[in-house]
Amino acid sequence: MGVHPDSKRPENMLETLDYFIDENEVLPTEFDSRKQWPNCPTIREIRDQGSCGSCWAFGAVEAMSDRQCIHTNVSFHYSAEDLVSCCHTCGFGCSGGFPGMAWRYWVRKGLVSGGAYNSSQGCVPYKIAPCEHHVNGSRMPCSGEGSTPKCEKVCQPNYNVNYESDKHYGQSAYSVNGGEEQIK
């Protein structure tokens, strides 16, 4: 399912901030964030959600990871698994969720580190295997929406930080209007 239709309900949305547009501001004709922040590997990563309608969570943790690296110049991978399985106010896990609530959860409850399937990266790496999404390839085809993994508030073995100590929090969460002028 991915982003749940109820994500547009006011209680599931973030505060919207408007950006003042300076008519005299000159913007470049092109911009590549991979070149601007080469020390932030998450910007160029593409994670695979497997047979789980968790694009709402992946989009959120990927953007959170990028923003944190841009702000601190320190690479960090937020755990999609932690968000999908432990944020019960974010929607329905693998059956769809609310992106705005994911950001709110990050600010209020925090998220631990993680990585891709079979990566052993971070506290809670993703447990759902990648699959082929609407194409033929070397992996098994995706098979609808799988079950949401159980929320386990414990880091993987051999990770030397406990779950609560690995939590990282956002400072604030808001959205911007979708108009092209607002997001340039």
Protein backbone atom coordinates (compact mmCIF):
# COMPACT_ATOMS: atom_id res chain seq x y z
CA MET A 1 0.00 0.00 0.00
CA GLY A 2 2.72 2.53 0.89
CA VAL A 3 1.49 5.97 1.91
CA HIS A 4 -1.93 5.46 3.48
CA PRO A 5 -4.81 7.60 2.12
CA ASP A 6 -5.51 8.88 5.64
CA SER A 7 -2.11 10.61 5.63
CA LYS A 8 -3.89 13.72 4.28
CA ARG A 9 -6.09 13.99 7.38
CA PRO A 10 -5.06 17.08 9.41
CA GLU A 11 -4.07 15.07 12.50
CA ASN A 12 -1.58 13.06 10.40
CA MET A 13 0.07 16.07 8.78
CA LEU A 14 2.87 18.34 9.92
CA GLU A 15 2.79 22.10 10.32
CA THR A 16 3.46 23.78 6.97
CA LEU A 17 6.06 26.53 6.76
CA ASP A 18 6.18 29.00 3.90
CA TYR A 19 9.54 30.12 2.61
CA PHE A 20 9.88 33.79 1.72
CA ILE A 21 10.99 33.98 -1.88
CA ASP A 22 13.50 36.73 -2.59
CA GLU A 23 12.93 37.90 -6.16
CA ASN A 24 16.62 38.93 -6.42
CA GLU A 25 18.01 35.56 -5.32
CA VAL A 26 19.89 33.85 -8.14
CA LEU A 27 19.69 30.09 -8.12
CA PRO A 28 21.92 27.75 -10.11
CA THR A 29 20.38 26.15 -13.19
CA GLU A 30 21.32 22.72 -11.85
CA PHE A 31 22.28 21.25 -8.49
CA ASP A 32 23.54 17.77 -7.58
CA SER A 33 23.42 17.06 -3.85
CA ARG A 34 25.76 14.07 -4.33
CA LYS A 35 28.48 16.49 -5.45
CA GLN A 36 27.63 19.15 -2.88
CA TRP A 37 27.86 16.68 0.05
CA PRO A 38 30.19 13.84 -1.07
CA ASN A 39 30.74 12.77 2.57
CA CYS A 40 27.04 11.88 2.88
CA PRO A 41 26.69 8.43 1.28
CA THR A 42 22.99 8.12 2.11
CA ILE A 43 22.20 10.77 -0.51
CA ARG A 44 23.10 8.37 -3.31
CA GLU A 45 21.73 5.18 -1.72
CA ILE A 46 18.57 3.47 -2.87
CA ARG A 47 17.16 1.13 -0.23
CA ASP A 48 14.77 -1.74 -1.07
CA GLN A 49 11.66 -2.17 1.08
CA GLY A 50 11.01 -5.70 -0.20
CA SER A 51 7.45 -7.04 0.00
CA CYS A 52 6.35 -4.45 2.54
CA GLY A 53 4.29 -1.32 1.90
CA SER A 54 6.80 0.76 3.82
CA CYS A 55 7.78 3.45 1.30
CA TRP A 56 6.40 5.98 3.79
CA ALA A 57 9.03 4.86 6.32
CA PHE A 58 11.88 4.48 3.82
CA GLY A 59 11.29 7.94 2.39
CA ALA A 60 11.31 9.39 5.89
CA VAL A 61 14.45 7.66 7.24
CA GLU A 62 16.36 8.28 4.02
CA ALA A 63 15.60 12.00 4.18
CA MET A 64 16.36 12.08 7.93
CA SER A 65 19.71 10.37 7.33
CA ASP A 66 20.54 12.82 4.53
CA ARG A 67 19.53 15.90 6.52
CA GLN A 68 21.50 14.84 9.57
CA CYS A 69 24.64 14.24 7.49
CA ILE A 70 24.25 17.57 5.69
CA HIS A 71 23.85 19.35 9.03
CA THR A 72 26.63 17.57 10.96
CA ASN A 73 28.90 16.19 8.20
CA VAL A 74 28.66 12.81 9.98
CA SER A 75 27.15 9.84 8.14
CA PHE A 76 24.30 8.09 9.98
CA HIS A 77 21.72 5.57 8.74
CA TYR A 78 18.34 5.69 10.47
CA SER A 79 16.58 2.34 10.77
CA ALA A 80 13.54 1.84 8.52
CA GLU A 81 12.87 -1.38 10.47
CA ASP A 82 12.63 0.53 13.77
CA LEU A 83 10.18 3.02 12.27
CA VAL A 84 8.00 0.46 10.44
CA SER A 85 7.71 -1.92 13.36
CA CYS A 86 7.75 0.35 16.43
CA CYS A 87 5.84 3.50 15.46
CA HIS A 88 2.26 2.49 16.12
CA THR A 89 0.98 6.05 15.58
CA CYS A 90 2.55 6.14 12.10
CA GLY A 91 -0.07 3.94 10.46
CA PHE A 92 -0.17 0.25 9.68
CA GLY A 93 3.43 -0.88 9.20
CA CYS A 94 3.74 -2.88 5.97
CA SER A 95 0.14 -2.00 5.09
CA GLY A 96 0.84 1.71 4.70
CA GLY A 97 1.64 4.67 6.88
CA PHE A 98 1.67 8.40 7.43
CA PRO A 99 4.92 10.19 6.47
CA GLY A 100 4.12 13.20 8.65
CA MET A 101 3.69 11.01 11.71
CA ALA A 102 7.03 9.33 10.96
CA TRP A 103 8.78 12.69 11.24
CA ARG A 104 6.85 13.53 14.42
CA TYR A 105 7.88 10.16 15.90
CA TRP A 106 11.55 10.91 15.14
CA VAL A 107 11.31 14.17 17.10
CA ARG A 108 9.30 12.79 20.04
CA LYS A 109 10.47 9.18 20.43
CA GLY A 110 13.69 8.98 18.40
CA LEU A 111 14.98 6.31 16.03
CA VAL A 112 17.94 3.96 16.20
CA SER A 113 20.53 3.27 13.52
CA GLY A 114 20.07 0.57 10.92
CA GLY A 115 20.93 -0.53 7.44
CA ALA A 116 19.81 -2.58 4.48
CA TYR A 117 18.78 -6.23 4.58
CA ASN A 118 21.65 -8.55 5.53
CA SER A 119 23.95 -5.56 6.11
CA SER A 120 24.57 -6.05 9.85
CA GLN A 121 24.74 -2.25 9.87
CA GLY A 122 23.60 -0.32 12.92
CA CYS A 123 21.37 -1.30 15.81
CA VAL A 124 18.35 -2.59 13.85
CA PRO A 125 18.99 -3.40 10.16
CA TYR A 126 16.07 -4.18 7.84
CA LYS A 127 14.79 -7.76 8.08
CA ILE A 128 12.72 -8.04 4.90
CA ALA A 129 14.58 -9.37 1.86
CA PRO A 130 14.78 -7.24 -1.29
CA CYS A 131 12.75 -8.36 -4.29
CA GLU A 132 12.11 -7.39 -7.90
CA HIS A 133 9.49 -4.66 -8.18
CA HIS A 134 7.57 -5.06 -11.47
CA VAL A 135 10.65 -6.22 -13.43
CA ASN A 136 12.40 -9.49 -14.14
CA GLY A 137 15.75 -9.81 -12.44
CA SER A 138 17.99 -11.95 -10.30
CA ARG A 139 15.84 -11.75 -7.17
CA MET A 140 12.44 -13.22 -6.42
CA PRO A 141 9.49 -11.07 -7.52
CA CYS A 142 7.78 -9.06 -4.80
CA SER A 143 4.68 -10.77 -3.47
CA GLY A 144 2.29 -8.10 -2.24
CA GLU A 145 2.46 -6.75 1.27
CA GLY A 146 4.23 -8.92 3.80
CA SER A 147 3.65 -8.91 7.52
CA THR A 148 5.00 -6.07 9.61
CA PRO A 149 8.02 -7.22 11.63
CA LYS A 150 7.55 -7.32 15.40
CA CYS A 151 8.87 -4.31 17.30
CA GLU A 152 11.91 -5.51 19.21
CA LYS A 153 13.57 -2.78 21.22
CA VAL A 154 16.95 -4.45 21.27
CA CYS A 155 20.00 -4.01 19.06
CA GLN A 156 21.37 -6.88 16.99
CA PRO A 157 24.04 -9.10 18.58
CA ASN A 158 27.60 -7.75 18.31
CA TYR A 159 26.36 -4.15 18.16
CA ASN A 160 28.05 -2.58 21.18
CA VAL A 161 25.44 0.06 22.01
CA ASN A 162 22.11 -0.65 23.70
CA TYR A 163 18.82 0.28 22.03
CA GLU A 164 17.94 3.33 24.15
CA SER A 165 21.48 4.73 23.93
CA ASP A 166 21.41 4.42 20.12
CA LYS A 167 18.27 6.57 19.80
CA HIS A 168 18.72 9.81 17.87
CA TYR A 169 16.13 12.58 17.83
CA GLY A 170 15.12 15.26 15.38
CA GLN A 171 14.98 18.86 16.53
CA SER A 172 11.77 19.73 14.70
CA ALA A 173 9.53 18.44 11.94
CA TYR A 174 7.53 20.48 9.45
CA SER A 175 6.52 20.41 5.81
CA VAL A 176 6.82 22.96 3.04
CA ASN A 177 4.25 23.75 0.40
CA GLY A 178 4.69 21.68 -2.73
CA GLY A 179 4.88 24.55 -5.18
CA GLU A 180 8.01 24.61 -7.32
CA GLU A 181 8.99 28.04 -6.02
CA GLN A 182 8.88 26.76 -2.43
CA ILE A 183 11.18 23.80 -3.01
CA LYS A 184 13.86 25.28 -5.28
